[in-house]
């Protein structure tokens, strides 16, 4: 299967498709949104979408990837806890918007679609982990953290708390949760 020539894409149509995707999935839910509905809302033919993306999941993933990129990076103020607070608060706030609803739909769909699951990890999760590891390396060099920290366990603990609330609805996502998670992580359980 040959890939479409990206240079032939109309940027205006691409933007319209990605915006329509977010709007429609937020409005109807992932399962009820369709390529036909996205095309109609974007003012393009569905063949245009299928020429550029192989599936609804791929369109949603690209739309999310562009929308979420603002919170993937980590600031470097010289204080790892404050930098984590800024980044995690941004993620928490984003999860409470329509993008959070779209993202939940994508995660749900990825549970039964191995290709979408792999693409989700490769395109959204891995870049965030790479950015975190880079910021953590700087923190290690500065002596802000112990050198024997299990980075994957730290990722699981910090962001797992946000995903737990996003996906299971046990309690609402709140900004103060980030402060509590960081306090426990850096001060411990006495």
Foldseek 3Di string as FASTA:
>chain_A
DDAADPVPDDPLLLVLLLVLLLVQCLVPNLVPDALCSSCVSSVHDSVSVCNHDVGSLRSLLVSLLVVCVVLLAWDPPPAVLVRLLVSVLVVLVCCPDSSVRSVLRSVVVCVVPVVSVVCCCVRPVVSSLVNVVVSVVVCVVVVVDDPPDDSVVVVCQQCVVSVCCSHVVPDHRDSVVNVVSSCCVVVNDD
